[in-house]
Structures are given as structure tokens and as C-alpha cells.
Amino acid sequence: MNAMERMLSDELTRLIDRLAGTTPDGSLERVRAVAPTLGTRLADLEARLAAKRTSLVEDYARWRQTLDDLENVWALAAWRSASEDPVDESRRLAA
């Protein structure tokens, strides 16, 4: 589990804890029976939350990969600048 997944899990756990402390048992079933539109809205929001979580985790993975790529390119640039026989850009462009 990466840092983003841990943070999202912690936030979801806190929400569930708050809901558990304020929502009576069986509330969801009663809401679905008495106010189906509200039950549908809850289901829709939960689906949106799951989709946003997936998107954030995927974006974070791409973020980490880009950080790694940047670090690698900087390492290559440092290695190239420290090499004993640096490539002369004017010679390379002329060829």
C-alpha cells in the first residue's frame, strides 16, 4: 500500500467511524424502503467515491513514476557532465 492508499484508507476509516457513532443499525435498509431516491443517491455517491479513489491511486502511481523518471534523467545529466569525454554539441549537430 503506497502513501496515497494509506491516506485514503485513513480518511475512509475516520468517516466510517463517525457514521458508526451517529447512524443507528439498519438505517440503510430503512432509507431504501422509505426514501428510495435517497438510497439511490447514497449508492451513487459511494460509487463516485470509489471511482475517485481509483483515479487518485492511479494518478499517484503516475506521479511517482514521473518523479523516478526525472531523478533518472538528472542522474544521466550529472553522469554525462562528469564524463571525461563530453560530447561536443556543435560537432554532433554538424554531423
PDB file of N, CA and C in Angstrom:
ATOM      1  N   MET A   1       0.858  -1.171   0.000  1.00  0.00           N
ATOM      2  CA  MET A   1       0.000   0.000   0.000  1.00  0.00           C
ATOM      3  C   MET A   1       0.904   1.234   0.000  1.00  0.00           C
ATOM      4  N   ASN A   2       0.686   2.124  -0.977  1.00  0.00           N
ATOM      5  CA  ASN A   2       1.517   3.320  -1.049  1.00  0.00           C
ATOM      6  C   ASN A   2       0.951   4.428  -0.160  1.00  0.00           C
ATOM      7  N   ALA A   3       1.640   5.541  -0.110  1.00  0.00           N
ATOM      8  CA  ALA A   3       1.256   6.646   0.775  1.00  0.00           C
ATOM      9  C   ALA A   3      -0.147   7.164   0.468  1.00  0.00           C
ATOM     10  N   MET A   4      -0.479   7.260  -0.818  1.00  0.00           N
ATOM     11  CA  MET A   4      -1.810   7.742  -1.201  1.00  0.00           C
ATOM     12  C   MET A   4      -2.886   6.776  -0.726  1.00  0.00           C
ATOM     13  N   GLU A   5      -2.666   5.489  -0.922  1.00  0.00           N
ATOM     14  CA  GLU A   5      -3.647   4.494  -0.485  1.00  0.00           C
ATOM     15  C   GLU A   5      -3.825   4.524   1.034  1.00  0.00           C
ATOM     16  N   ARG A   6      -2.723   4.695   1.770  1.00  0.00           N
ATOM     17  CA  ARG A   6      -2.821   4.775   3.238  1.00  0.00           C
ATOM     18  C   ARG A   6      -3.640   5.995   3.655  1.00  0.00           C
ATOM     19  N   MET A   7      -3.372   7.143   3.033  1.00  0.00           N
ATOM     20  CA  MET A   7      -4.098   8.352   3.391  1.00  0.00           C
ATOM     21  C   MET A   7      -5.591   8.197   3.090  1.00  0.00           C
ATOM     22  N   LEU A   8      -5.912   7.670   1.917  1.00  0.00           N
ATOM     23  CA  LEU A   8      -7.318   7.493   1.555  1.00  0.00           C
ATOM     24  C   LEU A   8      -8.002   6.497   2.484  1.00  0.00           C
ATOM     25  N   SER A   9      -7.316   5.421   2.832  1.00  0.00           N
ATOM     26  CA  SER A   9      -7.884   4.438   3.759  1.00  0.00           C
ATOM     27  C   SER A   9      -8.117   5.047   5.128  1.00  0.00           C
ATOM     28  N   ASP A  10      -7.166   5.855   5.595  1.00  0.00           N
ATOM     29  CA  ASP A  10      -7.330   6.520   6.897  1.00  0.00           C
ATOM     30  C   ASP A  10      -8.534   7.446   6.884  1.00  0.00           C
ATOM     31  N   GLU A  11      -8.697   8.216   5.808  1.00  0.00           N
ATOM     32  CA  GLU A  11      -9.838   9.133   5.730  1.00  0.00           C
ATOM     33  C   GLU A  11     -11.153   8.366   5.685  1.00  0.00           C
ATOM     34  N   LEU A  12     -11.190   7.284   4.919  1.00  0.00           N
ATOM     35  CA  LEU A  12     -12.407   6.482   4.842  1.00  0.00           C
ATOM     36  C   LEU A  12     -12.717   5.839   6.193  1.00  0.00           C
ATOM     37  N   THR A  13     -11.695   5.377   6.878  1.00  0.00           N
ATOM     38  CA  THR A  13     -11.893   4.781   8.212  1.00  0.00           C
ATOM     39  C   THR A  13     -12.476   5.808   9.172  1.00  0.00           C
ATOM     40  N   ARG A  14     -11.947   7.043   9.137  1.00  0.00           N
ATOM     41  CA  ARG A  14     -12.486   8.092  10.012  1.00  0.00           C
ATOM     42  C   ARG A  14     -13.952   8.376   9.687  1.00  0.00           C
ATOM     43  N   LEU A  15     -14.296   8.416   8.396  1.00  0.00           N
ATOM     44  CA  LEU A  15     -15.693   8.642   8.009  1.00  0.00           C
ATOM     45  C   LEU A  15     -16.575   7.511   8.530  1.00  0.00           C
ATOM     46  N   ILE A  16     -16.138   6.283   8.329  1.00  0.00           N
ATOM     47  CA  ILE A  16     -16.935   5.137   8.784  1.00  0.00           C
ATOM     48  C   ILE A  16     -17.104   5.167  10.297  1.00  0.00           C
ATOM     49  N   ASP A  17     -16.051   5.537  11.012  1.00  0.00           N
ATOM     50  CA  ASP A  17     -16.155   5.643  12.472  1.00  0.00           C
ATOM     51  C   ASP A  17     -17.171   6.709  12.878  1.00  0.00           C
ATOM     52  N   ARG A  18     -17.139   7.861  12.189  1.00  0.00           N
ATOM     53  CA  ARG A  18     -18.111   8.922  12.513  1.00  0.00           C
ATOM     54  C   ARG A  18     -19.532   8.456  12.211  1.00  0.00           C
ATOM     55  N   LEU A  19     -19.709   7.795  11.059  1.00  0.00           N
ATOM     56  CA  LEU A  19     -21.038   7.308  10.703  1.00  0.00           C
ATOM     57  C   LEU A  19     -21.522   6.240  11.677  1.00  0.00           C
ATOM     58  N   ALA A  20     -20.618   5.369  12.077  1.00  0.00           N
ATOM     59  CA  ALA A  20     -20.989   4.297  13.020  1.00  0.00           C
ATOM     60  C   ALA A  20     -21.455   4.881  14.348  1.00  0.00           C
ATOM     61  N   GLY A  21     -20.868   6.012  14.735  1.00  0.00           N
ATOM     62  CA  GLY A  21     -21.243   6.623  16.002  1.00  0.00           C
ATOM     63  C   GLY A  21     -22.528   7.427  15.941  1.00  0.00           C
ATOM     64  N   THR A  22     -23.004   7.757  14.760  1.00  0.00           N
ATOM     65  CA  THR A  22     -24.185   8.616  14.649  1.00  0.00           C
ATOM     66  C   THR A  22     -25.351   7.978  13.894  1.00  0.00           C
ATOM     67  N   THR A  23     -25.138   6.828  13.288  1.00  0.00           N
ATOM     68  CA  THR A  23     -26.166   6.202  12.456  1.00  0.00           C
ATOM     69  C   THR A  23     -26.654   4.925  13.124  1.00  0.00           C
ATOM     70  N   PRO A  24     -27.959   4.842  13.375  1.00  0.00           N
ATOM     71  CA  PRO A  24     -28.488   3.620  14.012  1.00  0.00           C
ATOM     72  C   PRO A  24     -28.377   2.408  13.091  1.00  0.00           C
ATOM     73  N   ASP A  25     -28.295   1.241  13.686  1.00  0.00           N
ATOM     74  CA  ASP A  25     -28.253  -0.006  12.915  1.00  0.00           C
ATOM     75  C   ASP A  25     -29.496  -0.118  12.045  1.00  0.00           C
ATOM     76  N   GLY A  26     -29.298  -0.600  10.833  1.00  0.00           N
ATOM     77  CA  GLY A  26     -30.417  -0.812   9.926  1.00  0.00           C
ATOM     78  C   GLY A  26     -30.878   0.432   9.184  1.00  0.00           C
ATOM     79  N   SER A  27     -30.152   1.529   9.333  1.00  0.00           N
ATOM     80  CA  SER A  27     -30.568   2.786   8.696  1.00  0.00           C
ATOM     81  C   SER A  27     -30.630   2.683   7.180  1.00  0.00           C
ATOM     82  N   LEU A  28     -29.648   2.048   6.582  1.00  0.00           N
ATOM     83  CA  LEU A  28     -29.604   1.970   5.125  1.00  0.00           C
ATOM     84  C   LEU A  28     -30.821   1.219   4.589  1.00  0.00           C
ATOM     85  N   GLU A  29     -31.168   0.131   5.215  1.00  0.00           N
ATOM     86  CA  GLU A  29     -32.334  -0.633   4.768  1.00  0.00           C
ATOM     87  C   GLU A  29     -33.601   0.198   4.910  1.00  0.00           C
ATOM     88  N   ARG A  30     -33.741   0.924   6.022  1.00  0.00           N
ATOM     89  CA  ARG A  30     -34.925   1.762   6.229  1.00  0.00           C
ATOM     90  C   ARG A  30     -34.962   2.899   5.216  1.00  0.00           C
ATOM     91  N   VAL A  31     -33.801   3.503   4.933  1.00  0.00           N
ATOM     92  CA  VAL A  31     -33.757   4.595   3.956  1.00  0.00           C
ATOM     93  C   VAL A  31     -34.165   4.084   2.587  1.00  0.00           C
ATOM     94  N   ARG A  32     -33.667   2.935   2.206  1.00  0.00           N
ATOM     95  CA  ARG A  32     -34.022   2.369   0.894  1.00  0.00           C
ATOM     96  C   ARG A  32     -35.524   2.076   0.792  1.00  0.00           C
ATOM     97  N   ALA A  33     -36.114   1.651   1.906  1.00  0.00           N
ATOM     98  CA  ALA A  33     -37.546   1.329   1.905  1.00  0.00           C
ATOM     99  C   ALA A  33     -38.402   2.587   1.926  1.00  0.00           C
ATOM    100  N   VAL A  34     -38.023   3.560   2.734  1.00  0.00           N
ATOM    101  CA  VAL A  34     -38.837   4.760   2.935  1.00  0.00           C
ATOM    102  C   VAL A  34     -38.533   5.842   1.898  1.00  0.00           C
ATOM    103  N   ALA A  35     -37.263   5.999   1.544  1.00  0.00           N
ATOM    104  CA  ALA A  35     -36.854   7.054   0.613  1.00  0.00           C
ATOM    105  C   ALA A  35     -35.894   6.466  -0.418  1.00  0.00           C
ATOM    106  N   PRO A  36     -36.438   5.742  -1.398  1.00  0.00           N
ATOM    107  CA  PRO A  36     -35.567   5.081  -2.368  1.00  0.00           C
ATOM    108  C   PRO A  36     -34.665   6.050  -3.135  1.00  0.00           C
ATOM    109  N   THR A  37     -35.137   7.270  -3.350  1.00  0.00           N
ATOM    110  CA  THR A  37     -34.301   8.262  -4.051  1.00  0.00           C
ATOM    111  C   THR A  37     -33.056   8.576  -3.233  1.00  0.00           C
ATOM    112  N   LEU A  38     -33.227   8.687  -1.933  1.00  0.00           N
ATOM    113  CA  LEU A  38     -32.079   8.944  -1.056  1.00  0.00           C
ATOM    114  C   LEU A  38     -31.142   7.736  -1.032  1.00  0.00           C
ATOM    115  N   GLY A  39     -31.709   6.545  -1.027  1.00  0.00           N
ATOM    116  CA  GLY A  39     -30.891   5.330  -1.085  1.00  0.00           C
ATOM    117  C   GLY A  39     -30.088   5.267  -2.371  1.00  0.00           C
ATOM    118  N   THR A  40     -30.721   5.645  -3.481  1.00  0.00           N
ATOM    119  CA  THR A  40     -30.023   5.688  -4.770  1.00  0.00           C
ATOM    120  C   THR A  40     -28.917   6.725  -4.732  1.00  0.00           C
ATOM    121  N   ARG A  41     -29.201   7.871  -4.137  1.00  0.00           N
ATOM    122  CA  ARG A  41     -28.182   8.932  -4.023  1.00  0.00           C
ATOM    123  C   ARG A  41     -26.979   8.444  -3.210  1.00  0.00           C
ATOM    124  N   LEU A  42     -27.235   7.739  -2.124  1.00  0.00           N
ATOM    125  CA  LEU A  42     -26.137   7.172  -1.328  1.00  0.00           C
ATOM    126  C   LEU A  42     -25.300   6.203  -2.153  1.00  0.00           C
ATOM    127  N   ALA A  43     -25.966   5.329  -2.897  1.00  0.00           N
ATOM    128  CA  ALA A  43     -25.253   4.358  -3.735  1.00  0.00           C
ATOM    129  C   ALA A  43     -24.432   5.075  -4.804  1.00  0.00           C
ATOM    130  N   ASP A  44     -25.015   6.112  -5.405  1.00  0.00           N
ATOM    131  CA  ASP A  44     -24.292   6.872  -6.427  1.00  0.00           C
ATOM    132  C   ASP A  44     -23.050   7.542  -5.847  1.00  0.00           C
ATOM    133  N   LEU A  45     -23.189   8.149  -4.685  1.00  0.00           N
ATOM    134  CA  LEU A  45     -22.040   8.811  -4.056  1.00  0.00           C
ATOM    135  C   LEU A  45     -20.957   7.821  -3.666  1.00  0.00           C
ATOM    136  N   GLU A  46     -21.362   6.659  -3.183  1.00  0.00           N
ATOM    137  CA  GLU A  46     -20.371   5.638  -2.845  1.00  0.00           C
ATOM    138  C   GLU A  46     -19.631   5.164  -4.097  1.00  0.00           C
ATOM    139  N   ALA A  47     -20.347   5.022  -5.205  1.00  0.00           N
ATOM    140  CA  ALA A  47     -19.710   4.623  -6.461  1.00  0.00           C
ATOM    141  C   ALA A  47     -18.758   5.715  -6.946  1.00  0.00           C
ATOM    142  N   ARG A  48     -19.174   6.976  -6.835  1.00  0.00           N
ATOM    143  CA  ARG A  48     -18.302   8.094  -7.229  1.00  0.00           C
ATOM    144  C   ARG A  48     -17.059   8.137  -6.357  1.00  0.00           C
ATOM    145  N   LEU A  49     -17.233   7.898  -5.066  1.00  0.00           N
ATOM    146  CA  LEU A  49     -16.089   7.890  -4.150  1.00  0.00           C
ATOM    147  C   LEU A  49     -15.102   6.795  -4.528  1.00  0.00           C
ATOM    148  N   ALA A  50     -15.611   5.624  -4.827  1.00  0.00           N
ATOM    149  CA  ALA A  50     -14.734   4.510  -5.240  1.00  0.00           C
ATOM    150  C   ALA A  50     -13.994   4.852  -6.528  1.00  0.00           C
ATOM    151  N   ALA A  51     -14.693   5.480  -7.478  1.00  0.00           N
ATOM    152  CA  ALA A  51     -14.057   5.851  -8.745  1.00  0.00           C
ATOM    153  C   ALA A  51     -12.983   6.918  -8.525  1.00  0.00           C
ATOM    154  N   LYS A  52     -13.270   7.885  -7.676  1.00  0.00           N
ATOM    155  CA  LYS A  52     -12.283   8.938  -7.379  1.00  0.00           C
ATOM    156  C   LYS A  52     -11.064   8.344  -6.680  1.00  0.00           C
ATOM    157  N   ARG A  53     -11.287   7.394  -5.789  1.00  0.00           N
ATOM    158  CA  ARG A  53     -10.164   6.739  -5.109  1.00  0.00           C
ATOM    159  C   ARG A  53      -9.276   6.044  -6.127  1.00  0.00           C
ATOM    160  N   THR A  54      -9.901   5.298  -7.030  1.00  0.00           N
ATOM    161  CA  THR A  54      -9.131   4.606  -8.067  1.00  0.00           C
ATOM    162  C   THR A  54      -8.325   5.596  -8.896  1.00  0.00           C
ATOM    163  N   SER A  55      -8.962   6.683  -9.272  1.00  0.00           N
ATOM    164  CA  SER A  55      -8.286   7.707 -10.079  1.00  0.00           C
ATOM    165  C   SER A  55      -7.105   8.322  -9.323  1.00  0.00           C
ATOM    166  N   LEU A  56      -7.307   8.638  -8.050  1.00  0.00           N
ATOM    167  CA  LEU A  56      -6.216   9.215  -7.255  1.00  0.00           C
ATOM    168  C   LEU A  56      -5.042   8.254  -7.114  1.00  0.00           C
ATOM    169  N   VAL A  57      -5.343   6.986  -6.868  1.00  0.00           N
ATOM    170  CA  VAL A  57      -4.276   5.989  -6.719  1.00  0.00           C
ATOM    171  C   VAL A  57      -3.513   5.834  -8.036  1.00  0.00           C
ATOM    172  N   GLU A  58      -4.241   5.794  -9.150  1.00  0.00           N
ATOM    173  CA  GLU A  58      -3.576   5.682 -10.452  1.00  0.00           C
ATOM    174  C   GLU A  58      -2.759   6.927 -10.766  1.00  0.00           C
ATOM    175  N   ASP A  59      -3.320   8.108 -10.482  1.00  0.00           N
ATOM    176  CA  ASP A  59      -2.575   9.361 -10.709  1.00  0.00           C
ATOM    177  C   ASP A  59      -1.333   9.420  -9.830  1.00  0.00           C
ATOM    178  N   TYR A  60      -1.457   8.946  -8.595  1.00  0.00           N
ATOM    179  CA  TYR A  60      -0.305   8.949  -7.695  1.00  0.00           C
ATOM    180  C   TYR A  60       0.791   8.023  -8.224  1.00  0.00           C
ATOM    181  N   ALA A  61       0.393   6.885  -8.772  1.00  0.00           N
ATOM    182  CA  ALA A  61       1.381   5.963  -9.354  1.00  0.00           C
ATOM    183  C   ALA A  61       2.103   6.642 -10.518  1.00  0.00           C
ATOM    184  N   ARG A  62       1.340   7.360 -11.345  1.00  0.00           N
ATOM    185  CA  ARG A  62       1.972   8.095 -12.454  1.00  0.00           C
ATOM    186  C   ARG A  62       2.874   9.205 -11.916  1.00  0.00           C
ATOM    187  N   TRP A  63       2.457   9.871 -10.855  1.00  0.00           N
ATOM    188  CA  TRP A  63       3.270  10.906 -10.204  1.00  0.00           C
ATOM    189  C   TRP A  63       4.598  10.320  -9.746  1.00  0.00           C
ATOM    190  N   ARG A  64       4.535   9.180  -9.062  1.00  0.00           N
ATOM    191  CA  ARG A  64       5.756   8.536  -8.566  1.00  0.00           C
ATOM    192  C   ARG A  64       6.661   8.128  -9.726  1.00  0.00           C
ATOM    193  N   GLN A  65       6.075   7.600 -10.805  1.00  0.00           N
ATOM    194  CA  GLN A  65       6.869   7.202 -11.962  1.00  0.00           C
ATOM    195  C   GLN A  65       7.550   8.412 -12.585  1.00  0.00           C
ATOM    196  N   THR A  66       6.849   9.528 -12.669  1.00  0.00           N
ATOM    197  CA  THR A  66       7.440  10.746 -13.228  1.00  0.00           C
ATOM    198  C   THR A  66       8.561  11.262 -12.340  1.00  0.00           C
ATOM    199  N   LEU A  67       8.388  11.174 -11.021  1.00  0.00           N
ATOM    200  CA  LEU A  67       9.480  11.554 -10.109  1.00  0.00           C
ATOM    201  C   LEU A  67      10.704  10.678 -10.353  1.00  0.00           C
ATOM    202  N   ASP A  68      10.477   9.379 -10.487  1.00  0.00           N
ATOM    203  CA  ASP A  68      11.586   8.459 -10.756  1.00  0.00           C
ATOM    204  C   ASP A  68      12.255   8.774 -12.093  1.00  0.00           C
ATOM    205  N   ASP A  69      11.429   9.049 -13.115  1.00  0.00           N
ATOM    206  CA  ASP A  69      11.979   9.389 -14.426  1.00  0.00           C
ATOM    207  C   ASP A  69      12.828  10.656 -14.356  1.00  0.00           C
ATOM    208  N   LEU A  70      12.321  11.653 -13.644  1.00  0.00           N
ATOM    209  CA  LEU A  70      13.066  12.903 -13.503  1.00  0.00           C
ATOM    210  C   LEU A  70      14.385  12.673 -12.780  1.00  0.00           C
ATOM    211  N   GLU A  71      14.343  11.888 -11.724  1.00  0.00           N
ATOM    212  CA  GLU A  71      15.572  11.579 -10.999  1.00  0.00           C
ATOM    213  C   GLU A  71      16.572  10.862 -11.899  1.00  0.00           C
ATOM    214  N   ASN A  72      16.079   9.922 -12.694  1.00  0.00           N
ATOM    215  CA  ASN A  72      16.963   9.186 -13.596  1.00  0.00           C
ATOM    216  C   ASN A  72      17.577  10.088 -14.660  1.00  0.00           C
ATOM    217  N   VAL A  73      16.800  10.993 -15.201  1.00  0.00           N
ATOM    218  CA  VAL A  73      17.337  11.902 -16.214  1.00  0.00           C
ATOM    219  C   VAL A  73      18.357  12.849 -15.594  1.00  0.00           C
ATOM    220  N   TRP A  74      18.083  13.324 -14.383  1.00  0.00           N
ATOM    221  CA  TRP A  74      19.085  14.162 -13.705  1.00  0.00           C
ATOM    222  C   TRP A  74      20.356  13.374 -13.432  1.00  0.00           C
ATOM    223  N   ALA A  75      20.237  12.113 -13.052  1.00  0.00           N
ATOM    224  CA  ALA A  75      21.420  11.279 -12.817  1.00  0.00           C
ATOM    225  C   ALA A  75      22.200  11.102 -14.113  1.00  0.00           C
ATOM    226  N   LEU A  76      21.484  10.894 -15.215  1.00  0.00           N
ATOM    227  CA  LEU A  76      22.144  10.774 -16.507  1.00  0.00           C
ATOM    228  C   LEU A  76      22.839  12.080 -16.882  1.00  0.00           C
ATOM    229  N   ALA A  77      22.168  13.201 -16.649  1.00  0.00           N
ATOM    230  CA  ALA A  77      22.772  14.502 -16.953  1.00  0.00           C
ATOM    231  C   ALA A  77      24.018  14.726 -16.106  1.00  0.00           C
ATOM    232  N   ALA A  78      23.971  14.348 -14.846  1.00  0.00           N
ATOM    233  CA  ALA A  78      25.134  14.504 -13.974  1.00  0.00           C
ATOM    234  C   ALA A  78      26.274  13.602 -14.440  1.00  0.00           C
ATOM    235  N   TRP A  79      25.929  12.377 -14.812  1.00  0.00           N
ATOM    236  CA  TRP A  79      26.942  11.448 -15.303  1.00  0.00           C
ATOM    237  C   TRP A  79      27.567  11.971 -16.588  1.00  0.00           C
ATOM    238  N   ARG A  80      26.730  12.463 -17.508  1.00  0.00           N
ATOM    239  CA  ARG A  80      27.239  12.989 -18.769  1.00  0.00           C
ATOM    240  C   ARG A  80      28.117  14.214 -18.540  1.00  0.00           C
ATOM    241  N   SER A  81      27.721  15.087 -17.624  1.00  0.00           N
ATOM    242  CA  SER A  81      28.507  16.300 -17.394  1.00  0.00           C
ATOM    243  C   SER A  81      29.831  15.988 -16.707  1.00  0.00           C
ATOM    244  N   ALA A  82      29.894  14.859 -16.003  1.00  0.00           N
ATOM    245  CA  ALA A  82      31.123  14.494 -15.307  1.00  0.00           C
ATOM    246  C   ALA A  82      32.012  13.571 -16.143  1.00  0.00           C
ATOM    247  N   SER A  83      31.515  13.148 -17.289  1.00  0.00           N
ATOM    248  CA  SER A  83      32.314  12.218 -18.091  1.00  0.00           C
ATOM    249  C   SER A  83      33.571  12.916 -18.601  1.00  0.00           C
ATOM    250  N   GLU A  84      34.599  12.124 -18.835  1.00  0.00           N
ATOM    251  CA  GLU A  84      35.887  12.679 -19.262  1.00  0.00           C
ATOM    252  C   GLU A  84      35.858  13.180 -20.697  1.00  0.00           C
ATOM    253  N   ASP A  85      35.010  12.606 -21.526  1.00  0.00           N
ATOM    254  CA  ASP A  85      34.953  12.995 -22.926  1.00  0.00           C
ATOM    255  C   ASP A  85      33.521  13.412 -23.272  1.00  0.00           C
ATOM    256  N   PRO A  86      33.116  14.594 -22.819  1.00  0.00           N
ATOM    257  CA  PRO A  86      31.751  15.016 -23.108  1.00  0.00           C
ATOM    258  C   PRO A  86      31.551  15.206 -24.602  1.00  0.00           C
ATOM    259  N   VAL A  87      30.356  14.922 -25.044  1.00  0.00           N
ATOM    260  CA  VAL A  87      30.040  15.062 -26.463  1.00  0.00           C
ATOM    261  C   VAL A  87      29.948  16.557 -26.768  1.00  0.00           C
ATOM    262  N   ASP A  88      30.685  16.959 -27.782  1.00  0.00           N
ATOM    263  CA  ASP A  88      30.673  18.354 -28.230  1.00  0.00           C
ATOM    264  C   ASP A  88      29.396  18.550 -29.044  1.00  0.00           C
ATOM    265  N   GLU A  89      28.479  19.346 -28.532  1.00  0.00           N
ATOM    266  CA  GLU A  89      27.189  19.540 -29.185  1.00  0.00           C
ATOM    267  C   GLU A  89      27.347  20.100 -30.589  1.00  0.00           C
ATOM    268  N   SER A  90      28.310  20.997 -30.806  1.00  0.00           N
ATOM    269  CA  SER A  90      28.469  21.582 -32.134  1.00  0.00           C
ATOM    270  C   SER A  90      28.922  20.532 -33.134  1.00  0.00           C
ATOM    271  N   ARG A  91      29.771  19.588 -32.720  1.00  0.00           N
ATOM    272  CA  ARG A  91      30.203  18.509 -33.620  1.00  0.00           C
ATOM    273  C   ARG A  91      29.059  17.589 -33.927  1.00  0.00           C
ATOM    274  N   ARG A  92      28.271  17.293 -32.944  1.00  0.00           N
ATOM    275  CA  ARG A  92      27.156  16.374 -33.147  1.00  0.00           C
ATOM    276  C   ARG A  92      26.113  17.007 -34.058  1.00  0.00           C
ATOM    277  N   LEU A  93      25.844  18.289 -33.885  1.00  0.00           N
ATOM    278  CA  LEU A  93      24.870  18.957 -34.729  1.00  0.00           C
ATOM    279  C   LEU A  93      25.357  19.067 -36.162  1.00  0.00           C
ATOM    280  N   ALA A  94      26.661  19.234 -36.345  1.00  0.00           N
ATOM    281  CA  ALA A  94      27.225  19.357 -37.685  1.00  0.00           C
ATOM    282  C   ALA A  94      27.159  18.045 -38.453  1.00  0.00           C
ATOM    283  N   ALA A  95      27.175  16.953 -37.729  1.00  0.00           N
ATOM    284  CA  ALA A  95      27.175  15.630 -38.374  1.00  0.00           C
ATOM    285  C   ALA A  95      25.827  15.279 -38.786  1.00  0.00           C
TER     286      ALA A  95
END
